[in-house]
Amino acid sequence: MMFLDFEKPIAELRTRVAELRDTADSGSLDIEAEVGKLEAKADKMLRDTYAKLTPWQKTQVARHPQRPHLKDYIAGFVDDFMPLAGDRAFADDQAIIGGLGRIGGRKVMVIGHEKGDDTATRLRHNFGMAKPEGYRKAIRLMALADRFGIPVVTLVDTSGAFPGVQAEERGQAEAIARSTEACLALGVPMVSAIVGEGGSGGAIALAAANRVLMFEHAVYSVISPEGCASILWRTAEKAADAADAMKITAQDLEKLGIVDRIVPEPMGGAHRDAQAAVTALGKALGEELDALTSLAAEEVRRRRRDKFLAIG
């Protein structure tokens, strides 16, 4: 387990437990009682720490490299997944993965950001930062779902759209705007989930949905705390202050009406029990789809429009 900076006291206790177990394995001491006390203390410290996380600490949890990624969610609750590639214009952007599958027996179009979980996959998926062709692929898949009456499920986990010169040359801003427009125009139900980091237009391009879910320790913002701090205070060192001011946590966003439902995470974050997190999200998505699939196309559009017009 990779521990975050604010988890160092917990890490020290876990290290001590491991050392004591090694000693016990050697047969030199019977220290199970001491190990039990330390484990109980570590568990309590973990609960207490995660019960009062600051927005900046939640940002670190949302970015944890061991959190489940899109491929884990697809493997966990999407049956018969069939990936669909390419934007039919330029290339297949691996930062956005999409395809047909089933959630709870219901046909769905699943689209989401994939960050990768090691050096090779992170480079292949460009750390989840999509280029214009990625958003154009998403638009193509949403249009396909709309044509055949298939609900759309999107999973958002990106620090933002790729800001490179070539992406700008190929129309990054236009692609993001078109993708957001495609979400709003869908005549089929759309449910989105912010599963890690929801950054800027790169996130909203896949999250203008009827229902927006958000993991308990995910974050969702118009700019990263570091970027905000660099603008306001000319230094990224003020990122914690920026995170406090930006209202980026699931709890704040639910109060503001931007997020409709918070999905609880396992104690200590989704990275500590990926299977439990995947199961919880799959259940929540199924419930949201059940509530929407009986609606007519015009009602689906009206509810989505009213939802976003009511924000602010």
Protein backbone atom coordinates (compact mmCIF):
# COMPACT_ATOMS: atom_id res chain seq x y z
CA MET A 1 0.00 0.00 0.00
CA MET A 2 1.27 3.44 -0.94
CA PHE A 3 0.61 5.88 1.91
CA LEU A 4 -0.09 9.58 1.39
CA ASP A 5 1.73 12.32 3.29
CA PHE A 6 -1.05 12.85 5.81
CA GLU A 7 -1.17 9.09 6.46
CA LYS A 8 2.39 8.84 7.79
CA PRO A 9 1.36 8.10 11.41
CA ILE A 10 -0.81 5.24 10.11
CA ALA A 11 2.05 4.01 7.94
CA GLU A 12 4.37 3.95 10.93
CA LEU A 13 1.92 1.82 12.90
CA ARG A 14 1.45 -0.56 9.97
CA THR A 15 5.22 -0.86 9.62
CA ARG A 16 5.52 -1.64 13.32
CA VAL A 17 2.84 -4.33 13.00
CA ALA A 18 4.69 -5.90 10.08
CA GLU A 19 7.95 -5.90 12.04
CA LEU A 20 6.28 -7.55 15.03
CA ARG A 21 4.72 -10.20 12.82
CA ASP A 22 8.12 -10.95 11.33
CA THR A 23 9.45 -11.38 14.85
CA ALA A 24 6.55 -13.64 15.77
CA ASP A 25 7.07 -15.74 12.63
CA SER A 26 10.63 -16.41 13.75
CA GLY A 27 9.23 -18.06 16.86
CA SER A 28 11.15 -15.89 19.28
CA LEU A 29 8.16 -14.11 20.85
CA ASP A 30 4.43 -14.46 21.28
CA ILE A 31 3.24 -10.96 20.53
CA GLU A 32 -0.23 -11.46 19.06
CA ALA A 33 -1.80 -9.35 21.81
CA GLU A 34 0.52 -6.45 21.08
CA VAL A 35 -0.08 -6.80 17.35
CA GLY A 36 -3.83 -6.73 17.96
CA LYS A 37 -3.56 -3.52 19.98
CA LEU A 38 -1.47 -1.82 17.29
CA GLU A 39 -3.83 -2.91 14.51
CA ALA A 40 -6.82 -1.61 16.45
CA LYS A 41 -5.01 1.68 17.02
CA ALA A 42 -4.12 1.93 13.32
CA ASP A 43 -7.72 1.20 12.28
CA LYS A 44 -9.04 3.86 14.66
CA MET A 45 -6.49 6.37 13.41
CA LEU A 46 -7.54 5.60 9.82
CA ARG A 47 -11.22 6.13 10.65
CA ASP A 48 -10.53 9.36 12.52
CA THR A 49 -8.29 10.70 9.74
CA TYR A 50 -10.76 9.99 6.94
CA ALA A 51 -13.68 11.37 8.92
CA LYS A 52 -12.18 14.87 8.76
CA LEU A 53 -10.23 15.10 5.52
CA THR A 54 -9.55 18.59 4.20
CA PRO A 55 -10.35 19.38 0.55
CA TRP A 56 -6.63 19.21 -0.27
CA GLN A 57 -6.32 15.81 1.38
CA LYS A 58 -9.35 14.61 -0.59
CA THR A 59 -7.60 15.80 -3.73
CA GLN A 60 -4.62 13.61 -2.86
CA VAL A 61 -6.90 10.64 -2.23
CA ALA A 62 -8.71 11.24 -5.54
CA ARG A 63 -5.34 11.17 -7.33
CA HIS A 64 -4.05 8.08 -5.53
CA PRO A 65 -2.39 5.89 -8.19
CA GLN A 66 -3.86 2.73 -6.66
CA ARG A 67 -7.50 3.85 -6.98
CA PRO A 68 -9.59 1.71 -9.34
CA HIS A 69 -9.54 2.88 -12.94
CA LEU A 70 -11.98 2.56 -15.82
CA LYS A 71 -10.79 -0.93 -16.76
CA ASP A 72 -11.46 -2.10 -13.19
CA TYR A 73 -15.01 -0.77 -13.24
CA ILE A 74 -15.70 -2.32 -16.63
CA ALA A 75 -14.33 -5.67 -15.44
CA GLY A 76 -16.29 -5.39 -12.21
CA PHE A 77 -19.83 -4.55 -13.30
CA VAL A 78 -20.05 -4.29 -17.10
CA ASP A 79 -20.87 -7.63 -18.72
CA ASP A 80 -20.16 -8.49 -22.36
CA PHE A 81 -18.18 -5.30 -22.91
CA MET A 82 -17.38 -4.66 -26.57
CA PRO A 83 -14.94 -1.75 -27.08
CA LEU A 84 -15.56 0.60 -29.99
CA ALA A 85 -12.55 2.54 -31.22
CA GLY A 86 -11.75 5.65 -33.21
CA ASP A 87 -13.37 8.95 -34.11
CA ARG A 88 -13.60 8.09 -37.84
CA ALA A 89 -11.62 11.23 -38.62
CA PHE A 90 -8.13 11.20 -37.17
CA ALA A 91 -7.19 8.50 -34.62
CA ASP A 92 -8.21 6.35 -31.67
CA ASP A 93 -7.45 8.26 -28.45
CA GLN A 94 -6.71 5.74 -25.70
CA ALA A 95 -7.34 8.34 -22.98
CA ILE A 96 -11.06 7.76 -23.56
CA ILE A 97 -12.36 4.20 -23.77
CA GLY A 98 -15.91 3.39 -24.83
CA GLY A 99 -18.08 0.53 -25.90
CA LEU A 100 -21.28 -1.46 -25.53
CA GLY A 101 -22.03 -3.68 -22.57
CA ARG A 102 -24.60 -4.59 -19.94
CA ILE A 103 -25.06 -3.34 -16.39
CA GLY A 104 -27.47 -5.51 -14.44
CA GLY A 105 -28.67 -7.09 -17.68
CA ARG A 106 -29.46 -3.69 -19.23
CA LYS A 107 -27.76 -2.63 -22.47
CA VAL A 108 -25.61 0.49 -21.99
CA MET A 109 -22.98 2.52 -23.77
CA VAL A 110 -20.05 2.96 -21.39
CA ILE A 111 -17.59 5.82 -21.98
CA GLY A 112 -14.85 7.00 -19.66
CA HIS A 113 -11.35 8.24 -19.01
CA GLU A 114 -8.57 5.71 -18.46
CA LYS A 115 -5.44 6.95 -16.68
CA GLY A 116 -3.44 3.70 -16.62
CA ASP A 117 -1.83 2.12 -13.57
CA ASP A 118 1.85 1.76 -14.46
CA THR A 119 4.38 3.64 -16.55
CA ALA A 120 3.60 1.87 -19.81
CA THR A 121 -0.18 2.15 -19.54
CA ARG A 122 -0.07 5.73 -18.27
CA LEU A 123 1.90 6.73 -21.34
CA ARG A 124 -0.41 4.76 -23.63
CA HIS A 125 -3.51 6.39 -22.12
CA ASN A 126 -1.81 9.80 -21.81
CA PHE A 127 -2.61 9.90 -18.07
CA GLY A 128 -6.31 10.17 -18.88
CA MET A 129 -5.90 13.52 -20.65
CA ALA A 130 -7.95 13.27 -23.83
CA LYS A 131 -7.20 14.93 -27.16
CA PRO A 132 -9.84 16.18 -29.62
CA GLU A 133 -10.13 12.76 -31.24
CA GLY A 134 -11.01 11.30 -27.84
CA TYR A 135 -13.96 13.65 -27.42
CA ARG A 136 -15.00 13.11 -31.01
CA LYS A 137 -14.99 9.36 -30.34
CA ALA A 138 -17.23 10.00 -27.33
CA ILE A 139 -19.58 12.07 -29.52
CA ARG A 140 -19.73 9.25 -32.08
CA LEU A 141 -20.56 6.66 -29.43
CA MET A 142 -23.22 8.88 -27.82
CA ALA A 143 -24.85 9.39 -31.22
CA LEU A 144 -24.81 5.63 -31.78
CA ALA A 145 -26.43 5.03 -28.38
CA ASP A 146 -29.08 7.68 -29.07
CA ARG A 147 -29.93 6.12 -32.43
CA PHE A 148 -30.58 2.71 -30.90
CA GLY A 149 -32.16 3.86 -27.64
CA ILE A 150 -29.31 2.71 -25.39
CA PRO A 151 -28.65 4.58 -22.10
CA VAL A 152 -25.22 6.17 -21.69
CA VAL A 153 -23.00 5.73 -18.63
CA THR A 154 -19.83 7.81 -18.31
CA LEU A 155 -17.03 7.48 -15.75
CA VAL A 156 -14.95 10.62 -15.30
CA ASP A 157 -11.36 10.53 -14.03
CA THR A 158 -9.09 13.14 -15.57
CA SER A 159 -7.00 16.09 -14.51
CA GLY A 160 -8.26 17.82 -17.67
CA ALA A 161 -8.11 17.69 -21.44
CA PHE A 162 -4.64 17.45 -22.99
CA PRO A 163 -3.23 21.00 -23.34
CA GLY A 164 -0.63 20.29 -26.03
CA VAL A 165 -0.11 22.44 -29.12
CA GLN A 166 -1.16 19.65 -31.50
CA ALA A 167 -4.39 19.13 -29.59
CA GLU A 168 -5.16 22.83 -29.86
CA GLU A 169 -4.36 22.75 -33.58
CA ARG A 170 -6.88 19.94 -34.05
CA GLY A 171 -9.64 21.88 -32.25
CA GLN A 172 -9.52 20.87 -28.61
CA ALA A 173 -11.93 23.55 -27.35
CA GLU A 174 -14.41 22.88 -30.16
CA ALA A 175 -14.31 19.12 -29.49
CA ILE A 176 -15.00 19.64 -25.76
CA ALA A 177 -17.89 22.00 -26.56
CA ARG A 178 -19.36 19.55 -29.09
CA SER A 179 -19.09 16.69 -26.61
CA THR A 180 -20.87 18.72 -23.91
CA GLU A 181 -23.55 19.62 -26.46
CA ALA A 182 -23.94 15.96 -27.42
CA CYS A 183 -24.51 15.03 -23.75
CA LEU A 184 -27.22 17.66 -23.38
CA ALA A 185 -28.95 16.66 -26.62
CA LEU A 186 -29.24 12.94 -25.88
CA GLY A 187 -32.75 11.53 -25.96
CA VAL A 188 -31.68 8.53 -23.88
CA PRO A 189 -30.91 8.60 -20.14
CA MET A 190 -27.35 9.52 -19.22
CA VAL A 191 -25.74 8.83 -15.86
CA SER A 192 -22.23 10.06 -15.03
CA ALA A 193 -19.94 9.26 -12.13
CA ILE A 194 -16.91 11.25 -10.97
CA VAL A 195 -14.75 8.36 -9.78
CA GLY A 196 -11.49 10.17 -9.09
CA GLU A 197 -10.47 13.57 -10.37
CA GLY A 198 -12.92 15.60 -12.45
CA GLY A 199 -10.89 18.39 -13.97
CA SER A 200 -12.17 21.33 -16.01
CA GLY A 201 -13.82 21.05 -19.42
CA GLY A 202 -12.16 17.70 -19.94
CA ALA A 203 -14.51 16.34 -17.28
CA ILE A 204 -17.75 18.21 -18.02
CA ALA A 205 -17.54 17.06 -21.66
CA LEU A 206 -18.54 13.60 -20.37
CA ALA A 207 -20.57 14.67 -17.34
CA ALA A 208 -23.47 16.84 -18.57
CA ALA A 209 -25.84 14.06 -17.53
CA ASN A 210 -29.32 13.52 -16.08
CA ARG A 211 -27.76 12.23 -12.88
CA VAL A 212 -24.22 12.97 -11.70
CA LEU A 213 -22.80 10.64 -9.07
CA MET A 214 -19.57 11.23 -7.22
CA PHE A 215 -17.40 9.07 -5.03
CA GLU A 216 -17.07 10.22 -1.44
CA HIS A 217 -13.42 11.23 -1.78
CA ALA A 218 -13.41 12.32 -5.44
CA VAL A 219 -12.98 15.96 -6.49
CA TYR A 220 -14.61 17.97 -9.29
CA SER A 221 -13.49 21.47 -10.26
CA VAL A 222 -13.06 23.98 -13.06
CA ILE A 223 -9.30 24.07 -12.48
CA SER A 224 -6.83 22.16 -10.34
CA PRO A 225 -5.99 23.60 -6.89
CA GLU A 226 -2.41 24.10 -8.07
CA GLY A 227 -3.57 25.97 -11.15
CA CYS A 228 -5.90 28.16 -9.13
CA ALA A 229 -3.15 28.93 -6.61
CA SER A 230 -0.73 29.81 -9.41
CA ILE A 231 -3.22 32.35 -10.77
CA LEU A 232 -4.30 33.89 -7.46
CA TRP A 233 -1.07 33.77 -5.45
CA ARG A 234 1.55 33.18 -8.16
CA THR A 235 2.65 29.98 -6.44
CA ALA A 236 1.39 26.39 -6.43
CA GLU A 237 2.38 26.11 -2.78
CA LYS A 238 -0.97 27.68 -1.89
CA ALA A 239 -2.84 24.72 -3.43
CA ALA A 240 -4.32 23.69 -0.06
CA ASP A 241 -5.79 27.18 0.43
CA ALA A 242 -7.18 27.12 -3.10
CA ALA A 243 -8.77 23.71 -2.53
CA ASP A 244 -10.53 25.05 0.58
CA ALA A 245 -11.94 28.02 -1.33
CA MET A 246 -12.98 26.19 -4.50
CA LYS A 247 -15.61 23.84 -3.00
CA ILE A 248 -14.36 20.82 -4.92
CA THR A 249 -15.44 17.99 -2.63
CA ALA A 250 -18.46 15.75 -3.16
CA GLN A 251 -20.06 17.06 0.02
CA ASP A 252 -19.79 20.70 -1.06
CA LEU A 253 -20.93 19.97 -4.61
CA GLU A 254 -23.99 18.05 -3.45
CA LYS A 255 -25.04 21.08 -1.38
CA LEU A 256 -24.59 23.29 -4.44
CA GLY A 257 -26.77 21.02 -6.57
CA ILE A 258 -23.98 20.10 -8.99
CA VAL A 259 -23.77 16.49 -7.82
CA ASP A 260 -26.93 14.45 -7.29
CA ARG A 261 -25.63 11.52 -5.25
CA ILE A 262 -22.54 10.64 -3.23
CA VAL A 263 -21.33 7.04 -3.44
CA PRO A 264 -19.62 5.94 -0.19
CA GLU A 265 -16.09 4.59 -0.41
CA PRO A 266 -14.52 1.85 1.72
CA MET A 267 -12.84 3.10 4.88
CA GLY A 268 -9.56 4.73 3.89
CA GLY A 269 -10.54 5.35 0.27
CA ALA A 270 -11.38 3.27 -2.80
CA HIS A 271 -7.74 2.26 -3.20
CA ARG A 272 -7.86 0.24 0.04
CA ASP A 273 -10.67 -2.02 -1.16
CA ALA A 274 -11.08 -1.67 -4.90
CA GLN A 275 -13.62 -4.48 -5.19
CA ALA A 276 -15.93 -2.93 -2.60
CA ALA A 277 -15.70 0.44 -4.38
CA VAL A 278 -16.45 -1.13 -7.77
CA THR A 279 -19.43 -3.02 -6.35
CA ALA A 280 -20.84 0.10 -4.67
CA LEU A 281 -20.61 2.13 -7.87
CA GLY A 282 -22.15 -0.61 -9.99
CA LYS A 283 -25.11 -0.84 -7.61
CA ALA A 284 -25.61 2.95 -7.59
CA LEU A 285 -25.47 3.18 -11.39
CA GLY A 286 -28.00 0.38 -11.73
CA GLU A 287 -30.40 2.14 -9.37
CA GLU A 288 -30.10 5.43 -11.25
CA LEU A 289 -30.69 3.77 -14.60
CA ASP A 290 -33.75 1.97 -13.22
CA ALA A 291 -35.26 5.33 -12.29
CA LEU A 292 -34.69 6.85 -15.74
CA THR A 293 -35.22 4.18 -18.36
CA SER A 294 -39.04 4.48 -18.42
CA LEU A 295 -38.91 8.18 -19.40
CA ALA A 296 -39.69 9.39 -22.91
CA ALA A 297 -36.94 11.11 -24.89
CA GLU A 298 -38.38 14.62 -24.52
CA GLU A 299 -38.79 14.16 -20.76
CA VAL A 300 -35.19 12.96 -20.48
CA ARG A 301 -33.98 16.09 -22.30
CA ARG A 302 -36.25 18.39 -20.28
CA ARG A 303 -35.06 17.05 -16.94
CA ARG A 304 -31.44 17.33 -17.99
CA ARG A 305 -31.95 20.88 -19.22
CA ASP A 306 -33.77 21.94 -16.07
CA LYS A 307 -31.08 20.38 -13.89
CA PHE A 308 -28.31 22.49 -15.40
CA LEU A 309 -30.36 25.66 -15.68
CA ALA A 310 -31.08 25.42 -11.96
CA ILE A 311 -27.40 25.40 -11.01
CA GLY A 312 -26.38 28.74 -9.50
